[in-house]
Amino acid sequence: MVPAVEEIIERAHVVALPMAVRFRGVDTREAVLIEGPRGWGEFAPFEDYSPREAAAWLRSGIEAAWEGFPDPVRSSVEVNGTIPAVPAEKVAEVAARFPGCQTFKVKVAEKGQTLADDIARVAALREAVPNAIVRVDANRGWNVDEAVEAAKALGPLDYLEQPCHSAEELAQVRMQLQRAGIFCRVAADESIRRSEDPYRVAELRAADVAVVKVAPLGGVRRTLQLASDLNARHMDITVASALDTAVGLNAGLAAVAALGSVEDDEGIDVHPNPAGLATQALFVEDVCEPRQIVDGHLDVTPQAPDPARLEDLSAEAGRREAWLERLRAAYAYL
């Protein structure tokens, strides 16, 4: 069901959420929140997304607001903590925002920083959270040789997420790591969510893990279908946030809640990977009371925005109009 664009706009609230820690170059996260007949949806593509790409984010918001989510098979999901590209001395403070989390994703390859900065950040995490399972996310910041060097220097790692730009480069990194006897999985993020062919990564055997984000993929149901298809191609799945507000997190949590268990090589049911959905801890304020992380898990019950918070966090008029223009432009590609 695709409602008229004017109906969507009539139901829209544009908000601006201050960040506690700069993330992806963002100090304030803006989003369009849409109150529909079945719940709340979110439209918040990053600035570098074209209207054609942003249409998937709008489709996801419409699904949440007009269709609702699939029935869950679990009431809570394990999540990972997220460490932005902060100086090493701030890592312990950030890690403390994720009580009970045993898995952490650390941002690396930040522009203006060096591998030494990344090594110090990961070491600080291991000091703050002994025995932490560490993932690192380079957001396409390295070439093949740099990625292999980083894997050696930062290990042991659960996985190296999107170390290079293309799927072909990911395949080279994966092959070189295997040849060097380094057990470090390769994960694909942008090569899936920003690709016209998200299955190409599997066809090239370029990654062991698919990091899937609901909004850029067009909604919970599309994400679940992609996850099922990639599982069948022997890829593991991590559901992650696209720096979502509490409303966007509803969709991510609904996707993990509806994922079935997968049998490993020994026929044992394996629960979904710790999800990258504990990103509310990166905001100063959100439109809902922050979800509490309990023993590294989040409850999956959908949240509705608090009216007072919606009003207090409203974006200024100029930004509201800019976002509604983006929405209209994306709507043309639905």
C-alpha atoms as a PDB file:
ATOM      1  CA  MET A   1       0.000   0.000   0.000  1.00  0.00           C
ATOM      2  CA  VAL A   2       1.417   3.389  -1.041  1.00  0.00           C
ATOM      3  CA  PRO A   3      -0.521   6.358   0.368  1.00  0.00           C
ATOM      4  CA  ALA A   4      -0.619   9.699  -1.423  1.00  0.00           C
ATOM      5  CA  VAL A   5       2.415  11.857  -0.804  1.00  0.00           C
ATOM      6  CA  GLU A   6       0.309  14.653   0.684  1.00  0.00           C
ATOM      7  CA  GLU A   7      -1.172  12.230   3.213  1.00  0.00           C
ATOM      8  CA  ILE A   8       2.330  11.217   4.259  1.00  0.00           C
ATOM      9  CA  ILE A   9       3.341  14.858   4.653  1.00  0.00           C
ATOM     10  CA  GLU A  10       0.234  15.635   6.713  1.00  0.00           C
ATOM     11  CA  ARG A  11       1.289  12.896   9.130  1.00  0.00           C
ATOM     12  CA  ALA A  12       4.975  13.911   9.194  1.00  0.00           C
ATOM     13  CA  HIS A  13       7.059  15.327  12.044  1.00  0.00           C
ATOM     14  CA  VAL A  14      10.614  16.483  11.292  1.00  0.00           C
ATOM     15  CA  VAL A  15      12.965  16.212  14.257  1.00  0.00           C
ATOM     16  CA  ALA A  16      16.580  17.077  15.018  1.00  0.00           C
ATOM     17  CA  LEU A  17      18.293  14.934  17.644  1.00  0.00           C
ATOM     18  CA  PRO A  18      21.588  16.101  19.206  1.00  0.00           C
ATOM     19  CA  MET A  19      24.335  13.482  19.224  1.00  0.00           C
ATOM     20  CA  ALA A  20      26.331  12.710  22.359  1.00  0.00           C
ATOM     21  CA  VAL A  21      29.254  11.632  20.173  1.00  0.00           C
ATOM     22  CA  ARG A  22      29.989  12.692  16.603  1.00  0.00           C
ATOM     23  CA  PHE A  23      29.144   9.732  14.351  1.00  0.00           C
ATOM     24  CA  ARG A  24      29.536   9.424  10.555  1.00  0.00           C
ATOM     25  CA  GLY A  25      30.387  13.130  10.591  1.00  0.00           C
ATOM     26  CA  VAL A  26      26.981  13.892  12.140  1.00  0.00           C
ATOM     27  CA  ASP A  27      26.487  16.056  15.255  1.00  0.00           C
ATOM     28  CA  THR A  28      22.692  16.334  14.884  1.00  0.00           C
ATOM     29  CA  ARG A  29      20.578  13.515  13.437  1.00  0.00           C
ATOM     30  CA  GLU A  30      17.547  14.739  11.503  1.00  0.00           C
ATOM     31  CA  ALA A  31      14.636  12.525  10.504  1.00  0.00           C
ATOM     32  CA  VAL A  32      11.062  12.581   9.247  1.00  0.00           C
ATOM     33  CA  LEU A  33       8.776  10.578  11.531  1.00  0.00           C
ATOM     34  CA  ILE A  34       5.436   9.497  10.085  1.00  0.00           C
ATOM     35  CA  GLU A  35       2.404   8.573  12.184  1.00  0.00           C
ATOM     36  CA  GLY A  36       0.391   6.007  10.233  1.00  0.00           C
ATOM     37  CA  PRO A  37      -2.675   3.847  10.871  1.00  0.00           C
ATOM     38  CA  ARG A  38      -0.514   0.867  11.974  1.00  0.00           C
ATOM     39  CA  GLY A  39       2.262   2.674  13.832  1.00  0.00           C
ATOM     40  CA  TRP A  40       5.177   5.030  13.264  1.00  0.00           C
ATOM     41  CA  GLY A  41       7.633   5.006  10.377  1.00  0.00           C
ATOM     42  CA  GLU A  42      10.873   6.864   9.720  1.00  0.00           C
ATOM     43  CA  PHE A  43      12.427   8.505   6.655  1.00  0.00           C
ATOM     44  CA  ALA A  44      16.015   9.575   7.334  1.00  0.00           C
ATOM     45  CA  PRO A  45      18.391   8.875   4.427  1.00  0.00           C
ATOM     46  CA  PHE A  46      21.866  10.329   4.871  1.00  0.00           C
ATOM     47  CA  GLU A  47      22.698  13.459   2.880  1.00  0.00           C
ATOM     48  CA  ASP A  48      24.710  11.564   0.259  1.00  0.00           C
ATOM     49  CA  TYR A  49      21.733   9.403  -0.765  1.00  0.00           C
ATOM     50  CA  SER A  50      20.120  10.341  -4.077  1.00  0.00           C
ATOM     51  CA  PRO A  51      16.310  10.503  -4.396  1.00  0.00           C
ATOM     52  CA  ARG A  52      16.369   7.101  -6.120  1.00  0.00           C
ATOM     53  CA  GLU A  53      18.328   5.559  -3.227  1.00  0.00           C
ATOM     54  CA  ALA A  54      16.244   7.418  -0.645  1.00  0.00           C
ATOM     55  CA  ALA A  55      13.067   5.839  -2.043  1.00  0.00           C
ATOM     56  CA  ALA A  56      13.950   2.597  -0.220  1.00  0.00           C
ATOM     57  CA  TRP A  57      14.075   4.505   3.085  1.00  0.00           C
ATOM     58  CA  LEU A  58      10.635   5.958   2.348  1.00  0.00           C
ATOM     59  CA  ARG A  59       9.282   2.534   1.424  1.00  0.00           C
ATOM     60  CA  SER A  60      10.510   1.254   4.785  1.00  0.00           C
ATOM     61  CA  GLY A  61       8.808   4.103   6.636  1.00  0.00           C
ATOM     62  CA  ILE A  62       5.545   3.496   4.794  1.00  0.00           C
ATOM     63  CA  GLU A  63       5.678  -0.223   5.608  1.00  0.00           C
ATOM     64  CA  ALA A  64       6.064   0.506   9.333  1.00  0.00           C
ATOM     65  CA  ALA A  65       3.327   3.148   9.388  1.00  0.00           C
ATOM     66  CA  TRP A  66       0.734   1.520   7.106  1.00  0.00           C
ATOM     67  CA  GLU A  67       1.428  -2.248   7.257  1.00  0.00           C
ATOM     68  CA  GLY A  68       3.088  -2.832  10.613  1.00  0.00           C
ATOM     69  CA  PHE A  69       5.680  -5.514  11.326  1.00  0.00           C
ATOM     70  CA  PRO A  70       5.719  -9.324  11.006  1.00  0.00           C
ATOM     71  CA  ASP A  71       4.992 -11.362  14.121  1.00  0.00           C
ATOM     72  CA  PRO A  72       8.076 -11.758  16.325  1.00  0.00           C
ATOM     73  CA  VAL A  73       9.560 -15.113  17.333  1.00  0.00           C
ATOM     74  CA  ARG A  74      11.597 -13.633  20.228  1.00  0.00           C
ATOM     75  CA  SER A  75      10.913 -10.879  22.763  1.00  0.00           C
ATOM     76  CA  SER A  76      14.451  -9.529  23.103  1.00  0.00           C
ATOM     77  CA  VAL A  77      17.625  -9.473  21.036  1.00  0.00           C
ATOM     78  CA  GLU A  78      21.310  -9.346  21.878  1.00  0.00           C
ATOM     79  CA  VAL A  79      23.028  -6.166  20.720  1.00  0.00           C
ATOM     80  CA  ASN A  80      26.572  -4.939  20.247  1.00  0.00           C
ATOM     81  CA  GLY A  81      28.014  -1.733  21.611  1.00  0.00           C
ATOM     82  CA  THR A  82      29.330   0.863  19.164  1.00  0.00           C
ATOM     83  CA  ILE A  83      32.537   2.844  19.597  1.00  0.00           C
ATOM     84  CA  PRO A  84      32.805   5.828  17.215  1.00  0.00           C
ATOM     85  CA  ALA A  85      36.187   7.076  16.025  1.00  0.00           C
ATOM     86  CA  VAL A  86      36.877   8.797  19.346  1.00  0.00           C
ATOM     87  CA  PRO A  87      40.311   9.199  20.951  1.00  0.00           C
ATOM     88  CA  ALA A  88      41.448   6.165  22.925  1.00  0.00           C
ATOM     89  CA  GLU A  89      41.063   7.983  26.245  1.00  0.00           C
ATOM     90  CA  LYS A  90      37.303   8.365  25.644  1.00  0.00           C
ATOM     91  CA  VAL A  91      36.632   4.722  24.763  1.00  0.00           C
ATOM     92  CA  ALA A  92      35.929   3.506  28.310  1.00  0.00           C
ATOM     93  CA  GLU A  93      33.353   6.267  28.791  1.00  0.00           C
ATOM     94  CA  VAL A  94      31.546   5.330  25.574  1.00  0.00           C
ATOM     95  CA  ALA A  95      31.725   1.584  26.296  1.00  0.00           C
ATOM     96  CA  ALA A  96      30.047   2.156  29.668  1.00  0.00           C
ATOM     97  CA  ARG A  97      26.885   3.229  27.819  1.00  0.00           C
ATOM     98  CA  PHE A  98      26.361  -0.392  26.716  1.00  0.00           C
ATOM     99  CA  PRO A  99      25.892  -2.386  29.949  1.00  0.00           C
ATOM    100  CA  GLY A 100      26.259  -6.117  29.591  1.00  0.00           C
ATOM    101  CA  CYS A 101      27.338  -6.016  25.944  1.00  0.00           C
ATOM    102  CA  GLN A 102      30.090  -8.495  25.139  1.00  0.00           C
ATOM    103  CA  THR A 103      30.385  -7.622  21.441  1.00  0.00           C
ATOM    104  CA  PHE A 104      31.511  -4.182  20.244  1.00  0.00           C
ATOM    105  CA  LYS A 105      31.848  -2.570  16.850  1.00  0.00           C
ATOM    106  CA  VAL A 106      34.674  -0.061  16.616  1.00  0.00           C
ATOM    107  CA  LYS A 107      34.821   2.567  13.877  1.00  0.00           C
ATOM    108  CA  VAL A 108      38.205   2.672  12.135  1.00  0.00           C
ATOM    109  CA  ALA A 109      39.823   4.226   9.033  1.00  0.00           C
ATOM    110  CA  GLU A 110      38.397   7.642   9.897  1.00  0.00           C
ATOM    111  CA  LYS A 111      39.621  10.445   7.618  1.00  0.00           C
ATOM    112  CA  GLY A 112      42.470  12.316   9.258  1.00  0.00           C
ATOM    113  CA  GLN A 113      43.357   9.383  11.510  1.00  0.00           C
ATOM    114  CA  THR A 114      45.944   6.617  11.190  1.00  0.00           C
ATOM    115  CA  LEU A 115      46.119   2.892  11.819  1.00  0.00           C
ATOM    116  CA  ALA A 116      47.940   3.733  15.052  1.00  0.00           C
ATOM    117  CA  ASP A 117      44.822   5.603  16.208  1.00  0.00           C
ATOM    118  CA  ASP A 118      42.712   2.547  15.372  1.00  0.00           C
ATOM    119  CA  ILE A 119      45.088   0.228  17.233  1.00  0.00           C
ATOM    120  CA  ALA A 120      44.954   2.478  20.302  1.00  0.00           C
ATOM    121  CA  ARG A 121      41.132   2.641  20.181  1.00  0.00           C
ATOM    122  CA  VAL A 122      40.742  -1.137  19.974  1.00  0.00           C
ATOM    123  CA  ALA A 123      43.320  -1.672  22.716  1.00  0.00           C
ATOM    124  CA  ALA A 124      41.458   0.781  24.955  1.00  0.00           C
ATOM    125  CA  LEU A 125      38.236  -1.160  24.397  1.00  0.00           C
ATOM    126  CA  ARG A 126      39.890  -4.446  25.318  1.00  0.00           C
ATOM    127  CA  GLU A 127      41.209  -2.830  28.472  1.00  0.00           C
ATOM    128  CA  ALA A 128      37.778  -1.403  29.367  1.00  0.00           C
ATOM    129  CA  VAL A 129      35.853  -4.592  28.484  1.00  0.00           C
ATOM    130  CA  PRO A 130      38.123  -7.625  28.963  1.00  0.00           C
ATOM    131  CA  ASN A 131      37.323 -10.532  26.625  1.00  0.00           C
ATOM    132  CA  ALA A 132      35.173  -8.316  24.410  1.00  0.00           C
ATOM    133  CA  ILE A 133      34.353  -9.700  20.971  1.00  0.00           C
ATOM    134  CA  VAL A 134      35.556  -6.983  18.601  1.00  0.00           C
ATOM    135  CA  ARG A 135      34.272  -6.035  15.174  1.00  0.00           C
ATOM    136  CA  VAL A 136      35.789  -3.128  13.257  1.00  0.00           C
ATOM    137  CA  ASP A 137      34.031  -1.058  10.602  1.00  0.00           C
ATOM    138  CA  ALA A 138      36.146   0.800   8.042  1.00  0.00           C
ATOM    139  CA  ASN A 139      33.299   2.174   5.887  1.00  0.00           C
ATOM    140  CA  ARG A 140      35.313   1.516   2.697  1.00  0.00           C
ATOM    141  CA  GLY A 141      38.290   3.453   4.059  1.00  0.00           C
ATOM    142  CA  TRP A 142      41.132   1.101   3.029  1.00  0.00           C
ATOM    143  CA  ASN A 143      42.571  -0.519  -0.039  1.00  0.00           C
ATOM    144  CA  VAL A 144      43.194  -4.278  -0.080  1.00  0.00           C
ATOM    145  CA  ASP A 145      46.729  -4.178   1.312  1.00  0.00           C
ATOM    146  CA  GLU A 146      45.782  -1.707   4.047  1.00  0.00           C
ATOM    147  CA  ALA A 147      42.841  -3.901   5.057  1.00  0.00           C
ATOM    148  CA  VAL A 148      45.004  -7.006   5.397  1.00  0.00           C
ATOM    149  CA  GLU A 149      47.617  -5.050   7.380  1.00  0.00           C
ATOM    150  CA  ALA A 150      44.883  -3.706   9.671  1.00  0.00           C
ATOM    151  CA  ALA A 151      43.410  -7.161  10.254  1.00  0.00           C
ATOM    152  CA  LYS A 152      46.821  -8.392  11.370  1.00  0.00           C
ATOM    153  CA  ALA A 153      47.383  -5.393  13.655  1.00  0.00           C
ATOM    154  CA  LEU A 154      43.898  -5.223  15.211  1.00  0.00           C
ATOM    155  CA  GLY A 155      43.155  -8.923  15.695  1.00  0.00           C
ATOM    156  CA  PRO A 156      41.730 -11.121  16.928  1.00  0.00           C
ATOM    157  CA  LEU A 157      38.512  -9.833  15.343  1.00  0.00           C
ATOM    158  CA  ASP A 158      35.012 -11.211  14.907  1.00  0.00           C
ATOM    159  CA  TYR A 159      34.952  -9.558  11.523  1.00  0.00           C
ATOM    160  CA  LEU A 160      36.282  -6.733   9.400  1.00  0.00           C
ATOM    161  CA  GLU A 161      33.304  -4.747   8.096  1.00  0.00           C
ATOM    162  CA  GLN A 162      33.392  -3.188   4.627  1.00  0.00           C
ATOM    163  CA  PRO A 163      37.152  -2.591   4.616  1.00  0.00           C
ATOM    164  CA  CYS A 164      37.222  -1.623   0.912  1.00  0.00           C
ATOM    165  CA  HIS A 165      34.911  -0.025  -1.612  1.00  0.00           C
ATOM    166  CA  SER A 166      33.955  -2.792  -4.030  1.00  0.00           C
ATOM    167  CA  ALA A 167      32.765  -6.367  -3.701  1.00  0.00           C
ATOM    168  CA  GLU A 168      35.709  -7.453  -5.826  1.00  0.00           C
ATOM    169  CA  GLU A 169      38.114  -5.884  -3.322  1.00  0.00           C
ATOM    170  CA  LEU A 170      36.323  -7.596  -0.437  1.00  0.00           C
ATOM    171  CA  ALA A 171      36.861 -10.920  -2.207  1.00  0.00           C
ATOM    172  CA  GLN A 172      40.572 -10.153  -2.495  1.00  0.00           C
ATOM    173  CA  VAL A 173      40.825  -9.253   1.196  1.00  0.00           C
ATOM    174  CA  ARG A 174      39.028 -12.444   2.175  1.00  0.00           C
ATOM    175  CA  MET A 175      41.328 -14.566  -0.002  1.00  0.00           C
ATOM    176  CA  GLN A 176      44.492 -12.909   1.279  1.00  0.00           C
ATOM    177  CA  LEU A 177      43.455 -13.359   4.901  1.00  0.00           C
ATOM    178  CA  GLN A 178      42.765 -17.044   4.301  1.00  0.00           C
ATOM    179  CA  ARG A 179      46.107 -17.529   2.546  1.00  0.00           C
ATOM    180  CA  ALA A 180      47.897 -15.796   5.425  1.00  0.00           C
ATOM    181  CA  GLY A 181      46.203 -18.114   7.937  1.00  0.00           C
ATOM    182  CA  ILE A 182      44.405 -15.202   9.631  1.00  0.00           C
ATOM    183  CA  PHE A 183      41.005 -16.166  10.987  1.00  0.00           C
ATOM    184  CA  CYS A 184      39.062 -12.962  10.474  1.00  0.00           C
ATOM    185  CA  ARG A 185      35.733 -12.902   8.718  1.00  0.00           C
ATOM    186  CA  VAL A 186      34.891 -10.219   6.171  1.00  0.00           C
ATOM    187  CA  ALA A 187      31.542  -8.445   6.418  1.00  0.00           C
ATOM    188  CA  ALA A 188      29.764  -6.477   3.695  1.00  0.00           C
ATOM    189  CA  ASP A 189      27.654  -3.419   4.458  1.00  0.00           C
ATOM    190  CA  GLU A 190      27.710  -0.743   1.726  1.00  0.00           C
ATOM    191  CA  SER A 191      28.315  -3.461  -0.887  1.00  0.00           C
ATOM    192  CA  ILE A 192      24.825  -4.714  -0.010  1.00  0.00           C
ATOM    193  CA  ARG A 193      22.744  -1.712   1.030  1.00  0.00           C
ATOM    194  CA  ARG A 194      24.113   0.628  -1.690  1.00  0.00           C
ATOM    195  CA  SER A 195      24.295  -1.934  -4.462  1.00  0.00           C
ATOM    196  CA  GLU A 196      21.788  -2.460  -7.244  1.00  0.00           C
ATOM    197  CA  ASP A 197      22.570  -6.168  -6.904  1.00  0.00           C
ATOM    198  CA  PRO A 198      22.906  -7.044  -3.194  1.00  0.00           C
ATOM    199  CA  TYR A 199      23.424 -10.707  -4.107  1.00  0.00           C
ATOM    200  CA  ARG A 200      26.656  -9.992  -5.998  1.00  0.00           C
ATOM    201  CA  VAL A 201      28.661 -10.229  -2.756  1.00  0.00           C
ATOM    202  CA  ALA A 202      27.464 -13.802  -2.278  1.00  0.00           C
ATOM    203  CA  GLU A 203      28.099 -14.711  -5.919  1.00  0.00           C
ATOM    204  CA  LEU A 204      31.700 -13.510  -5.639  1.00  0.00           C
ATOM    205  CA  ARG A 205      32.136 -15.199  -2.232  1.00  0.00           C
ATOM    206  CA  ALA A 206      33.366 -11.796  -1.126  1.00  0.00           C
ATOM    207  CA  ALA A 207      32.116 -11.869   2.460  1.00  0.00           C
ATOM    208  CA  ASP A 208      31.223 -14.199   5.316  1.00  0.00           C
ATOM    209  CA  VAL A 209      28.733 -11.823   6.939  1.00  0.00           C
ATOM    210  CA  ALA A 210      26.049  -9.524   5.541  1.00  0.00           C
ATOM    211  CA  VAL A 211      25.351  -6.402   7.597  1.00  0.00           C
ATOM    212  CA  VAL A 212      21.773  -5.491   6.719  1.00  0.00           C
ATOM    213  CA  LYS A 213      19.974  -2.262   7.580  1.00  0.00           C
ATOM    214  CA  VAL A 214      16.223  -2.126   7.266  1.00  0.00           C
ATOM    215  CA  ALA A 215      15.647   1.394   5.959  1.00  0.00           C
ATOM    216  CA  PRO A 216      18.158   1.364   3.063  1.00  0.00           C
ATOM    217  CA  LEU A 217      16.861  -2.061   2.016  1.00  0.00           C
ATOM    218  CA  GLY A 218      13.234  -0.946   1.836  1.00  0.00           C
ATOM    219  CA  GLY A 219      11.631  -2.355   4.974  1.00  0.00           C
ATOM    220  CA  VAL A 220      11.479  -5.278   7.364  1.00  0.00           C
ATOM    221  CA  ARG A 221       9.969  -7.782   4.953  1.00  0.00           C
ATOM    222  CA  ARG A 222      12.510  -7.063   2.211  1.00  0.00           C
ATOM    223  CA  THR A 223      15.292  -7.337   4.770  1.00  0.00           C
ATOM    224  CA  LEU A 224      14.019 -10.704   5.985  1.00  0.00           C
ATOM    225  CA  GLN A 225      13.825 -12.011   2.408  1.00  0.00           C
ATOM    226  CA  LEU A 226      17.365 -10.862   1.669  1.00  0.00           C
ATOM    227  CA  ALA A 227      18.601 -12.384   4.938  1.00  0.00           C
ATOM    228  CA  SER A 228      16.962 -15.712   4.081  1.00  0.00           C
ATOM    229  CA  ASP A 229      18.483 -15.716   0.599  1.00  0.00           C
ATOM    230  CA  LEU A 230      21.977 -14.854   1.880  1.00  0.00           C
ATOM    231  CA  ASN A 231      21.736 -17.473   4.628  1.00  0.00           C
ATOM    232  CA  ALA A 232      21.022 -20.007   1.908  1.00  0.00           C
ATOM    233  CA  ARG A 233      24.229 -18.829   0.244  1.00  0.00           C
ATOM    234  CA  HIS A 234      26.182 -19.535   3.452  1.00  0.00           C
ATOM    235  CA  MET A 235      26.411 -15.950   4.674  1.00  0.00           C
ATOM    236  CA  ASP A 236      25.806 -14.962   8.279  1.00  0.00           C
ATOM    237  CA  ILE A 237      23.547 -11.978   9.061  1.00  0.00           C
ATOM    238  CA  THR A 238      23.927  -8.976  11.354  1.00  0.00           C
ATOM    239  CA  VAL A 239      21.049  -6.496  11.500  1.00  0.00           C
ATOM    240  CA  ALA A 240      22.282  -2.984  12.216  1.00  0.00           C
ATOM    241  CA  SER A 241      21.058   0.572  12.660  1.00  0.00           C
ATOM    242  CA  ALA A 242      21.425   3.341  10.100  1.00  0.00           C
ATOM    243  CA  LEU A 243      21.775   5.801  12.986  1.00  0.00           C
ATOM    244  CA  ASP A 244      18.025   5.489  13.484  1.00  0.00           C
ATOM    245  CA  THR A 245      15.859   7.354  15.948  1.00  0.00           C
ATOM    246  CA  ALA A 246      13.786   5.285  18.371  1.00  0.00           C
ATOM    247  CA  VAL A 247      11.165   5.005  15.624  1.00  0.00           C
ATOM    248  CA  GLY A 248      13.644   3.611  13.104  1.00  0.00           C
ATOM    249  CA  LEU A 249      14.996   1.216  15.714  1.00  0.00           C
ATOM    250  CA  ASN A 250      11.505  -0.290  15.973  1.00  0.00           C
ATOM    251  CA  ALA A 251      11.965  -1.620  12.443  1.00  0.00           C
ATOM    252  CA  GLY A 252      15.463  -2.980  13.059  1.00  0.00           C
ATOM    253  CA  LEU A 253      14.371  -4.753  16.213  1.00  0.00           C
ATOM    254  CA  ALA A 254      11.296  -6.126  14.422  1.00  0.00           C
ATOM    255  CA  ALA A 255      13.570  -7.614  11.752  1.00  0.00           C
ATOM    256  CA  VAL A 256      15.794  -9.399  14.291  1.00  0.00           C
ATOM    257  CA  ALA A 257      12.737 -10.474  16.281  1.00  0.00           C
ATOM    258  CA  ALA A 258      11.309 -12.162  13.178  1.00  0.00           C
ATOM    259  CA  LEU A 259      14.540 -13.835  12.027  1.00  0.00           C
ATOM    260  CA  GLY A 260      14.460 -17.576  12.407  1.00  0.00           C
ATOM    261  CA  SER A 261      17.308 -19.483  14.019  1.00  0.00           C
ATOM    262  CA  VAL A 262      19.862 -20.986  11.656  1.00  0.00           C
ATOM    263  CA  GLU A 263      21.422 -24.425  12.033  1.00  0.00           C
ATOM    264  CA  ASP A 264      25.198 -24.541  12.159  1.00  0.00           C
ATOM    265  CA  ASP A 265      27.330 -27.302  10.609  1.00  0.00           C
ATOM    266  CA  GLU A 266      26.564 -29.560  13.577  1.00  0.00           C
ATOM    267  CA  GLY A 267      22.795 -29.073  13.307  1.00  0.00           C
ATOM    268  CA  ILE A 268      22.565 -26.798  16.372  1.00  0.00           C
ATOM    269  CA  ASP A 269      20.221 -23.811  16.257  1.00  0.00           C
ATOM    270  CA  VAL A 270      22.204 -20.553  16.356  1.00  0.00           C
ATOM    271  CA  HIS A 271      20.509 -17.346  17.436  1.00  0.00           C
ATOM    272  CA  PRO A 272      20.982 -14.191  15.351  1.00  0.00           C
ATOM    273  CA  ASN A 273      24.270 -12.308  15.632  1.00  0.00           C
ATOM    274  CA  PRO A 274      24.361  -9.514  18.211  1.00  0.00           C
ATOM    275  CA  ALA A 275      22.616  -6.691  16.379  1.00  0.00           C
ATOM    276  CA  GLY A 276      24.003  -3.217  15.859  1.00  0.00           C
ATOM    277  CA  LEU A 277      20.857  -1.619  17.238  1.00  0.00           C
ATOM    278  CA  ALA A 278      21.996  -0.118  20.553  1.00  0.00           C
ATOM    279  CA  THR A 279      22.719   3.222  18.911  1.00  0.00           C
ATOM    280  CA  GLN A 280      20.303   5.212  21.085  1.00  0.00           C
ATOM    281  CA  ALA A 281      23.223   5.488  23.491  1.00  0.00           C
ATOM    282  CA  LEU A 282      24.863   7.809  20.941  1.00  0.00           C
ATOM    283  CA  PHE A 283      22.094  10.435  21.243  1.00  0.00           C
ATOM    284  CA  VAL A 284      21.721  13.138  23.875  1.00  0.00           C
ATOM    285  CA  GLU A 285      17.938  13.121  23.343  1.00  0.00           C
ATOM    286  CA  ASP A 286      15.523  10.907  21.427  1.00  0.00           C
ATOM    287  CA  VAL A 287      11.793  11.031  20.707  1.00  0.00           C
ATOM    288  CA  CYS A 288      11.103   8.190  23.164  1.00  0.00           C
ATOM    289  CA  GLU A 289      12.407   7.296  26.574  1.00  0.00           C
ATOM    290  CA  PRO A 290      15.671   5.443  25.816  1.00  0.00           C
ATOM    291  CA  ARG A 291      15.393   1.668  25.703  1.00  0.00           C
ATOM    292  CA  GLN A 292      17.287   0.088  28.548  1.00  0.00           C
ATOM    293  CA  ILE A 293      20.037  -2.379  27.653  1.00  0.00           C
ATOM    294  CA  VAL A 294      19.633  -5.294  30.062  1.00  0.00           C
ATOM    295  CA  ASP A 295      22.459  -7.823  30.110  1.00  0.00           C
ATOM    296  CA  GLY A 296      23.379  -6.813  26.579  1.00  0.00           C
ATOM    297  CA  HIS A 297      19.812  -7.237  25.252  1.00  0.00           C
ATOM    298  CA  LEU A 298      17.024  -4.936  24.068  1.00  0.00           C
ATOM    299  CA  ASP A 299      13.282  -5.540  24.291  1.00  0.00           C
ATOM    300  CA  VAL A 300      11.666  -5.581  20.831  1.00  0.00           C
ATOM    301  CA  THR A 301       8.304  -4.003  21.751  1.00  0.00           C
ATOM    302  CA  PRO A 302       7.711  -1.051  19.376  1.00  0.00           C
ATOM    303  CA  GLN A 303       7.830   2.427  20.907  1.00  0.00           C
ATOM    304  CA  ALA A 304       5.719   5.449  19.963  1.00  0.00           C
ATOM    305  CA  PRO A 305       7.179   8.965  20.234  1.00  0.00           C
ATOM    306  CA  ASP A 306       6.371  11.055  23.282  1.00  0.00           C
ATOM    307  CA  PRO A 307       4.343  14.114  22.111  1.00  0.00           C
ATOM    308  CA  ALA A 308       6.306  16.471  24.342  1.00  0.00           C
ATOM    309  CA  ARG A 309       9.616  15.174  22.997  1.00  0.00           C
ATOM    310  CA  LEU A 310       8.355  15.471  19.411  1.00  0.00           C
ATOM    311  CA  GLU A 311       7.610  19.122  20.024  1.00  0.00           C
ATOM    312  CA  ASP A 312      10.837  19.885  21.888  1.00  0.00           C
ATOM    313  CA  LEU A 313      12.978  18.169  19.243  1.00  0.00           C
ATOM    314  CA  SER A 314      11.226  19.653  16.196  1.00  0.00           C
ATOM    315  CA  ALA A 315      13.567  20.827  13.464  1.00  0.00           C
ATOM    316  CA  GLU A 316      13.595  24.496  12.495  1.00  0.00           C
ATOM    317  CA  ALA A 317      11.230  25.530   9.702  1.00  0.00           C
ATOM    318  CA  GLY A 318      13.876  25.661   6.993  1.00  0.00           C
ATOM    319  CA  ARG A 319      15.119  22.164   7.757  1.00  0.00           C
ATOM    320  CA  ARG A 320      11.540  20.848   7.870  1.00  0.00           C
ATOM    321  CA  GLU A 321      10.894  22.146   4.364  1.00  0.00           C
ATOM    322  CA  ALA A 322      14.183  20.723   3.098  1.00  0.00           C
ATOM    323  CA  TRP A 323      13.286  17.271   4.429  1.00  0.00           C
ATOM    324  CA  LEU A 324       9.782  17.349   2.992  1.00  0.00           C
ATOM    325  CA  GLU A 325      11.282  18.215  -0.397  1.00  0.00           C
ATOM    326  CA  ARG A 326      13.587  15.197  -0.076  1.00  0.00           C
ATOM    327  CA  LEU A 327      10.556  13.078   0.766  1.00  0.00           C
ATOM    328  CA  ARG A 328       8.690  14.278  -2.320  1.00  0.00           C
ATOM    329  CA  ALA A 329      11.713  13.620  -4.518  1.00  0.00           C
ATOM    330  CA  ALA A 330      12.075  10.077  -3.136  1.00  0.00           C
ATOM    331  CA  TYR A 331       8.332   9.418  -3.482  1.00  0.00           C
ATOM    332  CA  ALA A 332       8.672   9.874  -7.258  1.00  0.00           C
ATOM    333  CA  TYR A 333      10.744   6.666  -7.377  1.00  0.00           C
ATOM    334  CA  LEU A 334       8.362   4.405  -5.413  1.00  0.00           C
END
